[in-house]
mmCIF file of all heavy atoms, coordinates in Angstrom:
data_MODEL
# 
_entry.id   MODEL 
# 
loop_
_atom_site.group_PDB 
_atom_site.id 
_atom_site.type_symbol 
_atom_site.label_atom_id 
_atom_site.label_alt_id 
_atom_site.label_comp_id 
_atom_site.label_asym_id 
_atom_site.label_entity_id 
_atom_site.label_seq_id 
_atom_site.pdbx_PDB_ins_code 
_atom_site.Cartn_x 
_atom_site.Cartn_y 
_atom_site.Cartn_z 
_atom_site.occupancy 
_atom_site.B_iso_or_equiv 
_atom_site.pdbx_formal_charge 
_atom_site.auth_seq_id 
_atom_site.auth_comp_id 
_atom_site.auth_asym_id 
_atom_site.auth_atom_id 
_atom_site.pdbx_PDB_model_num 
ATOM 1   N N   . ALA A 1 1  ? 106.603 85.258 110.328 1.00 0.00 ? 1  ALA A N   1 
ATOM 2   C CA  . ALA A 1 1  ? 105.885 86.205 109.475 1.00 0.00 ? 1  ALA A CA  1 
ATOM 3   C C   . ALA A 1 1  ? 105.093 87.203 110.317 1.00 0.00 ? 1  ALA A C   1 
ATOM 4   O O   . ALA A 1 1  ? 104.568 86.865 111.390 1.00 0.00 ? 1  ALA A O   1 
ATOM 5   C CB  . ALA A 1 1  ? 104.945 85.458 108.537 1.00 0.00 ? 1  ALA A CB  1 
ATOM 6   N N   . SER A 1 2  ? 104.997 88.413 109.836 1.00 0.00 ? 2  SER A N   1 
ATOM 7   C CA  . SER A 1 2  ? 104.328 89.476 110.592 1.00 0.00 ? 2  SER A CA  1 
ATOM 8   C C   . SER A 1 2  ? 102.838 89.221 110.782 1.00 0.00 ? 2  SER A C   1 
ATOM 9   O O   . SER A 1 2  ? 102.221 89.777 111.696 1.00 0.00 ? 2  SER A O   1 
ATOM 10  C CB  . SER A 1 2  ? 104.546 90.828 109.909 1.00 0.00 ? 2  SER A CB  1 
ATOM 11  O OG  . SER A 1 2  ? 104.043 90.808 108.580 1.00 0.00 ? 2  SER A OG  1 
ATOM 12  N N   . ASP A 1 3  ? 102.240 88.383 109.932 1.00 0.00 ? 3  ASP A N   1 
ATOM 13  C CA  . ASP A 1 3  ? 100.805 88.102 110.079 1.00 0.00 ? 3  ASP A CA  1 
ATOM 14  C C   . ASP A 1 3  ? 100.539 86.843 110.911 1.00 0.00 ? 3  ASP A C   1 
ATOM 15  O O   . ASP A 1 3  ? 99.395  86.398 111.009 1.00 0.00 ? 3  ASP A O   1 
ATOM 16  C CB  . ASP A 1 3  ? 100.122 87.984 108.714 1.00 0.00 ? 3  ASP A CB  1 
ATOM 17  C CG  . ASP A 1 3  ? 100.587 86.767 107.917 1.00 0.00 ? 3  ASP A CG  1 
ATOM 18  O OD1 . ASP A 1 3  ? 101.549 86.081 108.327 1.00 0.00 ? 3  ASP A OD1 1 
ATOM 19  O OD2 . ASP A 1 3  ? 99.988  86.499 106.853 1.00 0.00 ? 3  ASP A OD2 1 
ATOM 20  N N   . GLN A 1 4  ? 101.562 86.295 111.549 1.00 0.00 ? 4  GLN A N   1 
ATOM 21  C CA  . GLN A 1 4  ? 101.382 85.071 112.328 1.00 0.00 ? 4  GLN A CA  1 
ATOM 22  C C   . GLN A 1 4  ? 100.315 85.196 113.427 1.00 0.00 ? 4  GLN A C   1 
ATOM 23  O O   . GLN A 1 4  ? 99.571  84.239 113.664 1.00 0.00 ? 4  GLN A O   1 
ATOM 24  C CB  . GLN A 1 4  ? 102.715 84.637 112.943 1.00 0.00 ? 4  GLN A CB  1 
ATOM 25  C CG  . GLN A 1 4  ? 102.662 83.315 113.690 1.00 0.00 ? 4  GLN A CG  1 
ATOM 26  C CD  . GLN A 1 4  ? 102.293 82.134 112.789 1.00 0.00 ? 4  GLN A CD  1 
ATOM 27  O OE1 . GLN A 1 4  ? 102.749 82.038 111.669 1.00 0.00 ? 4  GLN A OE1 1 
ATOM 28  N NE2 . GLN A 1 4  ? 101.448 81.241 113.297 1.00 0.00 ? 4  GLN A NE2 1 
ATOM 29  N N   . PRO A 1 5  ? 100.179 86.340 114.109 1.00 0.00 ? 5  PRO A N   1 
ATOM 30  C CA  . PRO A 1 5  ? 99.146  86.416 115.163 1.00 0.00 ? 5  PRO A CA  1 
ATOM 31  C C   . PRO A 1 5  ? 97.728  86.171 114.661 1.00 0.00 ? 5  PRO A C   1 
ATOM 32  O O   . PRO A 1 5  ? 96.834  85.895 115.461 1.00 0.00 ? 5  PRO A O   1 
ATOM 33  C CB  . PRO A 1 5  ? 99.292  87.861 115.688 1.00 0.00 ? 5  PRO A CB  1 
ATOM 34  C CG  . PRO A 1 5  ? 100.705 88.220 115.392 1.00 0.00 ? 5  PRO A CG  1 
ATOM 35  C CD  . PRO A 1 5  ? 101.014 87.549 114.078 1.00 0.00 ? 5  PRO A CD  1 
ATOM 36  N N   . TYR A 1 6  ? 97.506  86.283 113.352 1.00 0.00 ? 6  TYR A N   1 
ATOM 37  C CA  . TYR A 1 6  ? 96.160  86.112 112.812 1.00 0.00 ? 6  TYR A CA  1 
ATOM 38  C C   . TYR A 1 6  ? 95.940  84.713 112.242 1.00 0.00 ? 6  TYR A C   1 
ATOM 39  O O   . TYR A 1 6  ? 94.863  84.431 111.709 1.00 0.00 ? 6  TYR A O   1 
ATOM 40  C CB  . TYR A 1 6  ? 95.912  87.170 111.728 1.00 0.00 ? 6  TYR A CB  1 
ATOM 41  C CG  . TYR A 1 6  ? 96.368  88.541 112.146 1.00 0.00 ? 6  TYR A CG  1 
ATOM 42  C CD1 . TYR A 1 6  ? 97.454  89.151 111.534 1.00 0.00 ? 6  TYR A CD1 1 
ATOM 43  C CD2 . TYR A 1 6  ? 95.746  89.209 113.201 1.00 0.00 ? 6  TYR A CD2 1 
ATOM 44  C CE1 . TYR A 1 6  ? 97.901  90.398 111.943 1.00 0.00 ? 6  TYR A CE1 1 
ATOM 45  C CE2 . TYR A 1 6  ? 96.187  90.458 113.629 1.00 0.00 ? 6  TYR A CE2 1 
ATOM 46  C CZ  . TYR A 1 6  ? 97.267  91.041 112.990 1.00 0.00 ? 6  TYR A CZ  1 
ATOM 47  O OH  . TYR A 1 6  ? 97.718  92.267 113.408 1.00 0.00 ? 6  TYR A OH  1 
ATOM 48  N N   . ARG A 1 7  ? 96.929  83.867 112.354 1.00 0.00 ? 7  ARG A N   1 
ATOM 49  C CA  . ARG A 1 7  ? 96.826  82.503 111.827 1.00 0.00 ? 7  ARG A CA  1 
ATOM 50  C C   . ARG A 1 7  ? 96.295  81.570 112.905 1.00 0.00 ? 7  ARG A C   1 
ATOM 51  O O   . ARG A 1 7  ? 96.603  81.716 114.084 1.00 0.00 ? 7  ARG A O   1 
ATOM 52  C CB  . ARG A 1 7  ? 98.177  82.025 111.302 1.00 0.00 ? 7  ARG A CB  1 
ATOM 53  C CG  . ARG A 1 7  ? 98.661  82.817 110.099 1.00 0.00 ? 7  ARG A CG  1 
ATOM 54  C CD  . ARG A 1 7  ? 100.081 82.427 109.687 1.00 0.00 ? 7  ARG A CD  1 
ATOM 55  N NE  . ARG A 1 7  ? 100.480 83.167 108.501 1.00 0.00 ? 7  ARG A NE  1 
ATOM 56  C CZ  . ARG A 1 7  ? 100.270 82.749 107.253 1.00 0.00 ? 7  ARG A CZ  1 
ATOM 57  N NH1 . ARG A 1 7  ? 99.687  81.585 107.049 1.00 0.00 ? 7  ARG A NH1 1 
ATOM 58  N NH2 . ARG A 1 7  ? 100.632 83.482 106.219 1.00 0.00 ? 7  ARG A NH2 1 
ATOM 59  N N   . LEU A 1 8  ? 95.530  80.566 112.467 1.00 0.00 ? 8  LEU A N   1 
ATOM 60  C CA  . LEU A 1 8  ? 94.915  79.639 113.403 1.00 0.00 ? 8  LEU A CA  1 
ATOM 61  C C   . LEU A 1 8  ? 95.591  78.273 113.431 1.00 0.00 ? 8  LEU A C   1 
ATOM 62  O O   . LEU A 1 8  ? 95.673  77.646 114.489 1.00 0.00 ? 8  LEU A O   1 
ATOM 63  C CB  . LEU A 1 8  ? 93.430  79.449 113.044 1.00 0.00 ? 8  LEU A CB  1 
ATOM 64  C CG  . LEU A 1 8  ? 92.558  80.699 113.120 1.00 0.00 ? 8  LEU A CG  1 
ATOM 65  C CD1 . LEU A 1 8  ? 91.140  80.373 112.640 1.00 0.00 ? 8  LEU A CD1 1 
ATOM 66  C CD2 . LEU A 1 8  ? 92.535  81.257 114.534 1.00 0.00 ? 8  LEU A CD2 1 
ATOM 67  N N   . PHE A 1 9  ? 96.064  77.808 112.287 1.00 0.00 ? 9  PHE A N   1 
ATOM 68  C CA  . PHE A 1 9  ? 96.493  76.418 112.218 1.00 0.00 ? 9  PHE A CA  1 
ATOM 69  C C   . PHE A 1 9  ? 97.903  76.205 111.670 1.00 0.00 ? 9  PHE A C   1 
ATOM 70  O O   . PHE A 1 9  ? 98.401  75.083 111.699 1.00 0.00 ? 9  PHE A O   1 
ATOM 71  C CB  . PHE A 1 9  ? 95.510  75.605 111.357 1.00 0.00 ? 9  PHE A CB  1 
ATOM 72  C CG  . PHE A 1 9  ? 94.112  75.619 111.887 1.00 0.00 ? 9  PHE A CG  1 
ATOM 73  C CD1 . PHE A 1 9  ? 93.137  76.398 111.288 1.00 0.00 ? 9  PHE A CD1 1 
ATOM 74  C CD2 . PHE A 1 9  ? 93.769  74.879 113.004 1.00 0.00 ? 9  PHE A CD2 1 
ATOM 75  C CE1 . PHE A 1 9  ? 91.842  76.420 111.779 1.00 0.00 ? 9  PHE A CE1 1 
ATOM 76  C CE2 . PHE A 1 9  ? 92.480  74.898 113.504 1.00 0.00 ? 9  PHE A CE2 1 
ATOM 77  C CZ  . PHE A 1 9  ? 91.509  75.671 112.898 1.00 0.00 ? 9  PHE A CZ  1 
ATOM 78  N N   . ASP A 1 10 ? 98.533  77.231 111.134 1.00 0.00 ? 10 ASP A N   1 
ATOM 79  C CA  . ASP A 1 10 ? 99.863  77.008 110.583 1.00 0.00 ? 10 ASP A CA  1 
ATOM 80  C C   . ASP A 1 10 ? 100.874 77.996 111.144 1.00 0.00 ? 10 ASP A C   1 
ATOM 81  O O   . ASP A 1 10 ? 100.533 78.949 111.847 1.00 0.00 ? 10 ASP A O   1 
ATOM 82  C CB  . ASP A 1 10 ? 99.852  77.009 109.052 1.00 0.00 ? 10 ASP A CB  1 
ATOM 83  C CG  . ASP A 1 10 ? 99.729  78.403 108.436 1.00 0.00 ? 10 ASP A CG  1 
ATOM 84  O OD1 . ASP A 1 10 ? 99.611  79.399 109.179 1.00 0.00 ? 10 ASP A OD1 1 
ATOM 85  O OD2 . ASP A 1 10 ? 99.749  78.498 107.192 1.00 0.00 ? 10 ASP A OD2 1 
ATOM 86  N N   . LEU A 1 11 ? 102.136 77.719 110.847 1.00 0.00 ? 11 LEU A N   1 
ATOM 87  C CA  . LEU A 1 11 ? 103.245 78.590 111.215 1.00 0.00 ? 11 LEU A CA  1 
ATOM 88  C C   . LEU A 1 11 ? 103.871 79.099 109.927 1.00 0.00 ? 11 LEU A C   1 
ATOM 89  O O   . LEU A 1 11 ? 104.247 78.298 109.068 1.00 0.00 ? 11 LEU A O   1 
ATOM 90  C CB  . LEU A 1 11 ? 104.275 77.819 112.038 1.00 0.00 ? 11 LEU A CB  1 
ATOM 91  C CG  . LEU A 1 11 ? 105.610 78.528 112.299 1.00 0.00 ? 11 LEU A CG  1 
ATOM 92  C CD1 . LEU A 1 11 ? 105.405 79.787 113.136 1.00 0.00 ? 11 LEU A CD1 1 
ATOM 93  C CD2 . LEU A 1 11 ? 106.590 77.572 112.990 1.00 0.00 ? 11 LEU A CD2 1 
ATOM 94  N N   . ALA A 1 12 ? 103.980 80.410 109.792 1.00 0.00 ? 12 ALA A N   1 
ATOM 95  C CA  . ALA A 1 12 ? 104.569 81.004 108.594 1.00 0.00 ? 12 ALA A CA  1 
ATOM 96  C C   . ALA A 1 12 ? 105.911 81.628 108.952 1.00 0.00 ? 12 ALA A C   1 
ATOM 97  O O   . ALA A 1 12 ? 105.985 82.468 109.848 1.00 0.00 ? 12 ALA A O   1 
ATOM 98  C CB  . ALA A 1 12 ? 103.639 82.058 107.999 1.00 0.00 ? 12 ALA A CB  1 
ATOM 99  N N   . ILE A 1 13 ? 106.944 81.197 108.256 1.00 0.00 ? 13 ILE A N   1 
ATOM 100 C CA  . ILE A 1 13 ? 108.273 81.754 108.433 1.00 0.00 ? 13 ILE A CA  1 
ATOM 101 C C   . ILE A 1 13 ? 108.600 82.610 107.215 1.00 0.00 ? 13 ILE A C   1 
ATOM 102 O O   . ILE A 1 13 ? 108.520 82.149 106.076 1.00 0.00 ? 13 ILE A O   1 
ATOM 103 C CB  . ILE A 1 13 ? 109.329 80.643 108.597 1.00 0.00 ? 13 ILE A CB  1 
ATOM 104 C CG1 . ILE A 1 13 ? 108.992 79.749 109.790 1.00 0.00 ? 13 ILE A CG1 1 
ATOM 105 C CG2 . ILE A 1 13 ? 110.718 81.259 108.736 1.00 0.00 ? 13 ILE A CG2 1 
ATOM 106 C CD1 . ILE A 1 13 ? 109.057 80.436 111.137 1.00 0.00 ? 13 ILE A CD1 1 
ATOM 107 N N   . ASP A 1 14 ? 108.946 83.844 107.463 1.00 0.00 ? 14 ASP A N   1 
ATOM 108 C CA  . ASP A 1 14 ? 109.235 84.809 106.403 1.00 0.00 ? 14 ASP A CA  1 
ATOM 109 C C   . ASP A 1 14 ? 110.681 84.650 105.937 1.00 0.00 ? 14 ASP A C   1 
ATOM 110 O O   . ASP A 1 14 ? 111.601 84.723 106.742 1.00 0.00 ? 14 ASP A O   1 
ATOM 111 C CB  . ASP A 1 14 ? 109.002 86.216 106.965 1.00 0.00 ? 14 ASP A CB  1 
ATOM 112 C CG  . ASP A 1 14 ? 109.361 87.335 106.003 1.00 0.00 ? 14 ASP A CG  1 
ATOM 113 O OD1 . ASP A 1 14 ? 109.666 87.039 104.825 1.00 0.00 ? 14 ASP A OD1 1 
ATOM 114 O OD2 . ASP A 1 14 ? 109.334 88.494 106.437 1.00 0.00 ? 14 ASP A OD2 1 
ATOM 115 N N   . PHE A 1 15 ? 110.851 84.427 104.610 1.00 0.00 ? 15 PHE A N   1 
ATOM 116 C CA  . PHE A 1 15 ? 112.218 84.410 104.093 1.00 0.00 ? 15 PHE A CA  1 
ATOM 117 C C   . PHE A 1 15 ? 112.461 85.524 103.080 1.00 0.00 ? 15 PHE A C   1 
ATOM 118 O O   . PHE A 1 15 ? 113.606 85.756 102.701 1.00 0.00 ? 15 PHE A O   1 
ATOM 119 C CB  . PHE A 1 15 ? 112.575 83.041 103.491 1.00 0.00 ? 15 PHE A CB  1 
ATOM 120 C CG  . PHE A 1 15 ? 111.910 82.712 102.186 1.00 0.00 ? 15 PHE A CG  1 
ATOM 121 C CD1 . PHE A 1 15 ? 112.550 82.952 100.983 1.00 0.00 ? 15 PHE A CD1 1 
ATOM 122 C CD2 . PHE A 1 15 ? 110.644 82.135 102.157 1.00 0.00 ? 15 PHE A CD2 1 
ATOM 123 C CE1 . PHE A 1 15 ? 111.945 82.633 99.769  1.00 0.00 ? 15 PHE A CE1 1 
ATOM 124 C CE2 . PHE A 1 15 ? 110.027 81.818 100.955 1.00 0.00 ? 15 PHE A CE2 1 
ATOM 125 C CZ  . PHE A 1 15 ? 110.686 82.066 99.754  1.00 0.00 ? 15 PHE A CZ  1 
ATOM 126 N N   . ARG A 1 16 ? 111.381 86.224 102.660 1.00 0.00 ? 16 ARG A N   1 
ATOM 127 C CA  . ARG A 1 16 ? 111.616 87.359 101.759 1.00 0.00 ? 16 ARG A CA  1 
ATOM 128 C C   . ARG A 1 16 ? 110.498 88.391 101.695 1.00 0.00 ? 16 ARG A C   1 
ATOM 129 O O   . ARG A 1 16 ? 110.572 89.322 100.912 1.00 0.00 ? 16 ARG A O   1 
ATOM 130 C CB  . ARG A 1 16 ? 111.911 86.853 100.340 1.00 0.00 ? 16 ARG A CB  1 
ATOM 131 C CG  . ARG A 1 16 ? 110.786 86.158 99.613  1.00 0.00 ? 16 ARG A CG  1 
ATOM 132 C CD  . ARG A 1 16 ? 110.992 86.220 98.080  1.00 0.00 ? 16 ARG A CD  1 
ATOM 133 N NE  . ARG A 1 16 ? 112.293 85.785 97.665  1.00 0.00 ? 16 ARG A NE  1 
ATOM 134 C CZ  . ARG A 1 16 ? 112.533 84.807 96.780  1.00 0.00 ? 16 ARG A CZ  1 
ATOM 135 N NH1 . ARG A 1 16 ? 111.524 84.164 96.232  1.00 0.00 ? 16 ARG A NH1 1 
ATOM 136 N NH2 . ARG A 1 16 ? 113.753 84.480 96.446  1.00 0.00 ? 16 ARG A NH2 1 
ATOM 137 N N   . GLU A 1 17 ? 109.466 88.262 102.510 1.00 0.00 ? 17 GLU A N   1 
ATOM 138 C CA  . GLU A 1 17 ? 108.410 89.283 102.468 1.00 0.00 ? 17 GLU A CA  1 
ATOM 139 C C   . GLU A 1 17 ? 108.960 90.632 102.931 1.00 0.00 ? 17 GLU A C   1 
ATOM 140 O O   . GLU A 1 17 ? 108.669 91.673 102.348 1.00 0.00 ? 17 GLU A O   1 
ATOM 141 C CB  . GLU A 1 17 ? 107.226 88.882 103.345 1.00 0.00 ? 17 GLU A CB  1 
ATOM 142 C CG  . GLU A 1 17 ? 106.085 89.896 103.303 1.00 0.00 ? 17 GLU A CG  1 
ATOM 143 C CD  . GLU A 1 17 ? 104.907 89.494 104.153 1.00 0.00 ? 17 GLU A CD  1 
ATOM 144 O OE1 . GLU A 1 17 ? 105.088 88.777 105.151 1.00 0.00 ? 17 GLU A OE1 1 
ATOM 145 O OE2 . GLU A 1 17 ? 103.788 89.907 103.822 1.00 0.00 ? 17 GLU A OE2 1 
ATOM 146 N N   . GLU A 1 18 ? 109.748 90.615 104.002 1.00 0.00 ? 18 GLU A N   1 
ATOM 147 C CA  . GLU A 1 18 ? 110.388 91.815 104.516 1.00 0.00 ? 18 GLU A CA  1 
ATOM 148 C C   . GLU A 1 18 ? 111.905 91.603 104.490 1.00 0.00 ? 18 GLU A C   1 
ATOM 149 O O   . GLU A 1 18 ? 112.383 90.471 104.553 1.00 0.00 ? 18 GLU A O   1 
ATOM 150 C CB  . GLU A 1 18 ? 109.900 92.099 105.937 1.00 0.00 ? 18 GLU A CB  1 
ATOM 151 C CG  . GLU A 1 18 ? 108.391 92.365 105.992 1.00 0.00 ? 18 GLU A CG  1 
ATOM 152 C CD  . GLU A 1 18 ? 107.866 92.548 107.405 1.00 0.00 ? 18 GLU A CD  1 
ATOM 153 O OE1 . GLU A 1 18 ? 108.656 92.362 108.356 1.00 0.00 ? 18 GLU A OE1 1 
ATOM 154 O OE2 . GLU A 1 18 ? 106.679 92.871 107.556 1.00 0.00 ? 18 GLU A OE2 1 
ATOM 155 N N   . PRO A 1 19 ? 112.694 92.685 104.385 1.00 0.00 ? 19 PRO A N   1 
ATOM 156 C CA  . PRO A 1 19 ? 114.152 92.538 104.316 1.00 0.00 ? 19 PRO A CA  1 
ATOM 157 C C   . PRO A 1 19 ? 114.693 91.890 105.598 1.00 0.00 ? 19 PRO A C   1 
ATOM 158 O O   . PRO A 1 19 ? 114.126 92.089 106.673 1.00 0.00 ? 19 PRO A O   1 
ATOM 159 C CB  . PRO A 1 19 ? 114.648 93.975 104.175 1.00 0.00 ? 19 PRO A CB  1 
ATOM 160 C CG  . PRO A 1 19 ? 113.464 94.751 103.689 1.00 0.00 ? 19 PRO A CG  1 
ATOM 161 C CD  . PRO A 1 19 ? 112.268 94.081 104.272 1.00 0.00 ? 19 PRO A CD  1 
ATOM 162 N N   . PRO A 1 20 ? 115.770 91.123 105.464 1.00 0.00 ? 20 PRO A N   1 
ATOM 163 C CA  . PRO A 1 20 ? 116.498 90.833 104.223 1.00 0.00 ? 20 PRO A CA  1 
ATOM 164 C C   . PRO A 1 20 ? 115.903 89.642 103.474 1.00 0.00 ? 20 PRO A C   1 
ATOM 165 O O   . PRO A 1 20 ? 115.265 88.783 104.078 1.00 0.00 ? 20 PRO A O   1 
ATOM 166 C CB  . PRO A 1 20 ? 117.902 90.486 104.739 1.00 0.00 ? 20 PRO A CB  1 
ATOM 167 C CG  . PRO A 1 20 ? 117.640 89.851 106.080 1.00 0.00 ? 20 PRO A CG  1 
ATOM 168 C CD  . PRO A 1 20 ? 116.468 90.600 106.660 1.00 0.00 ? 20 PRO A CD  1 
ATOM 169 N N   . ASP A 1 21 ? 116.124 89.598 102.175 1.00 0.00 ? 21 ASP A N   1 
ATOM 170 C CA  . ASP A 1 21 ? 115.717 88.456 101.350 1.00 0.00 ? 21 ASP A CA  1 
ATOM 171 C C   . ASP A 1 21 ? 116.736 87.345 101.566 1.00 0.00 ? 21 ASP A C   1 
ATOM 172 O O   . ASP A 1 21 ? 117.907 87.479 101.233 1.00 0.00 ? 21 ASP A O   1 
ATOM 173 C CB  . ASP A 1 21 ? 115.682 88.885 99.878  1.00 0.00 ? 21 ASP A CB  1 
ATOM 174 C CG  . ASP A 1 21 ? 115.182 87.787 98.951  1.00 0.00 ? 21 ASP A CG  1 
ATOM 175 O OD1 . ASP A 1 21 ? 115.202 86.602 99.361  1.00 0.00 ? 21 ASP A OD1 1 
ATOM 176 O OD2 . ASP A 1 21 ? 114.796 88.102 97.816  1.00 0.00 ? 21 ASP A OD2 1 
ATOM 177 N N   . LEU A 1 22 ? 116.286 86.233 102.146 1.00 0.00 ? 22 LEU A N   1 
ATOM 178 C CA  . LEU A 1 22 ? 117.192 85.127 102.458 1.00 0.00 ? 22 LEU A CA  1 
ATOM 179 C C   . LEU A 1 22 ? 117.428 84.201 101.278 1.00 0.00 ? 22 LEU A C   1 
ATOM 180 O O   . LEU A 1 22 ? 118.334 83.367 101.320 1.00 0.00 ? 22 LEU A O   1 
ATOM 181 C CB  . LEU A 1 22 ? 116.640 84.323 103.643 1.00 0.00 ? 22 LEU A CB  1 
ATOM 182 C CG  . LEU A 1 22 ? 116.367 85.102 104.931 1.00 0.00 ? 22 LEU A CG  1 
ATOM 183 C CD1 . LEU A 1 22 ? 115.885 84.159 106.008 1.00 0.00 ? 22 LEU A CD1 1 
ATOM 184 C CD2 . LEU A 1 22 ? 117.605 85.858 105.377 1.00 0.00 ? 22 LEU A CD2 1 
ATOM 185 N N   . GLY A 1 23 ? 116.588 84.291 100.238 1.00 0.00 ? 23 GLY A N   1 
ATOM 186 C CA  . GLY A 1 23 ? 116.775 83.462 99.058  1.00 0.00 ? 23 GLY A CA  1 
ATOM 187 C C   . GLY A 1 23 ? 116.158 82.076 99.194  1.00 0.00 ? 23 GLY A C   1 
ATOM 188 O O   . GLY A 1 23 ? 115.756 81.632 100.277 1.00 0.00 ? 23 GLY A O   1 
ATOM 189 N N   . LEU A 1 24 ? 116.099 81.395 98.061  1.00 0.00 ? 24 LEU A N   1 
ATOM 190 C CA  . LEU A 1 24 ? 115.445 80.092 98.001  1.00 0.00 ? 24 LEU A CA  1 
ATOM 191 C C   . LEU A 1 24 ? 116.177 79.038 98.819  1.00 0.00 ? 24 LEU A C   1 
ATOM 192 O O   . LEU A 1 24 ? 115.548 78.145 99.397  1.00 0.00 ? 24 LEU A O   1 
ATOM 193 C CB  . LEU A 1 24 ? 115.334 79.650 96.538  1.00 0.00 ? 24 LEU A CB  1 
ATOM 194 C CG  . LEU A 1 24 ? 114.611 78.325 96.282  1.00 0.00 ? 24 LEU A CG  1 
ATOM 195 C CD1 . LEU A 1 24 ? 113.206 78.339 96.868  1.00 0.00 ? 24 LEU A CD1 1 
ATOM 196 C CD2 . LEU A 1 24 ? 114.568 78.035 94.786  1.00 0.00 ? 24 LEU A CD2 1 
ATOM 197 N N   . GLU A 1 25 ? 117.498 79.126 98.890  1.00 0.00 ? 25 GLU A N   1 
ATOM 198 C CA  . GLU A 1 25 ? 118.252 78.130 99.652  1.00 0.00 ? 25 GLU A CA  1 
ATOM 199 C C   . GLU A 1 25 ? 117.829 78.125 101.119 1.00 0.00 ? 25 GLU A C   1 
ATOM 200 O O   . GLU A 1 25 ? 117.662 77.063 101.735 1.00 0.00 ? 25 GLU A O   1 
ATOM 201 C CB  . GLU A 1 25 ? 119.758 78.411 99.536  1.00 0.00 ? 25 GLU A CB  1 
ATOM 202 C CG  . GLU A 1 25 ? 120.631 77.364 100.188 1.00 0.00 ? 25 GLU A CG  1 
ATOM 203 C CD  . GLU A 1 25 ? 120.431 75.968 99.610  1.00 0.00 ? 25 GLU A CD  1 
ATOM 204 O OE1 . GLU A 1 25 ? 120.219 75.846 98.381  1.00 0.00 ? 25 GLU A OE1 1 
ATOM 205 O OE2 . GLU A 1 25 ? 120.481 74.994 100.401 1.00 0.00 ? 25 GLU A OE2 1 
ATOM 206 N N   . ALA A 1 26 ? 117.620 79.292 101.685 1.00 0.00 ? 26 ALA A N   1 
ATOM 207 C CA  . ALA A 1 26 ? 117.153 79.375 103.072 1.00 0.00 ? 26 ALA A CA  1 
ATOM 208 C C   . ALA A 1 26 ? 115.745 78.803 103.202 1.00 0.00 ? 26 ALA A C   1 
ATOM 209 O O   . ALA A 1 26 ? 115.427 78.122 104.187 1.00 0.00 ? 26 ALA A O   1 
ATOM 210 C CB  . ALA A 1 26 ? 117.183 80.817 103.554 1.00 0.00 ? 26 ALA A CB  1 
ATOM 211 N N   . ALA A 1 27 ? 114.895 79.074 102.210 1.00 0.00 ? 27 ALA A N   1 
ATOM 212 C CA  . ALA A 1 27 ? 113.534 78.531 102.245 1.00 0.00 ? 27 ALA A CA  1 
ATOM 213 C C   . ALA A 1 27 ? 113.559 77.005 102.250 1.00 0.00 ? 27 ALA A C   1 
ATOM 214 O O   . ALA A 1 27 ? 112.777 76.356 102.966 1.00 0.00 ? 27 ALA A O   1 
ATOM 215 C CB  . ALA A 1 27 ? 112.738 79.043 101.049 1.00 0.00 ? 27 ALA A CB  1 
# 
């Protein structure tokens, strides 16, 4: 995720915030 540098304790993986939309199956 593009906001990962501002996170302290978790890892965020983007599956549809920005293109391409990977869909729920990828999530």
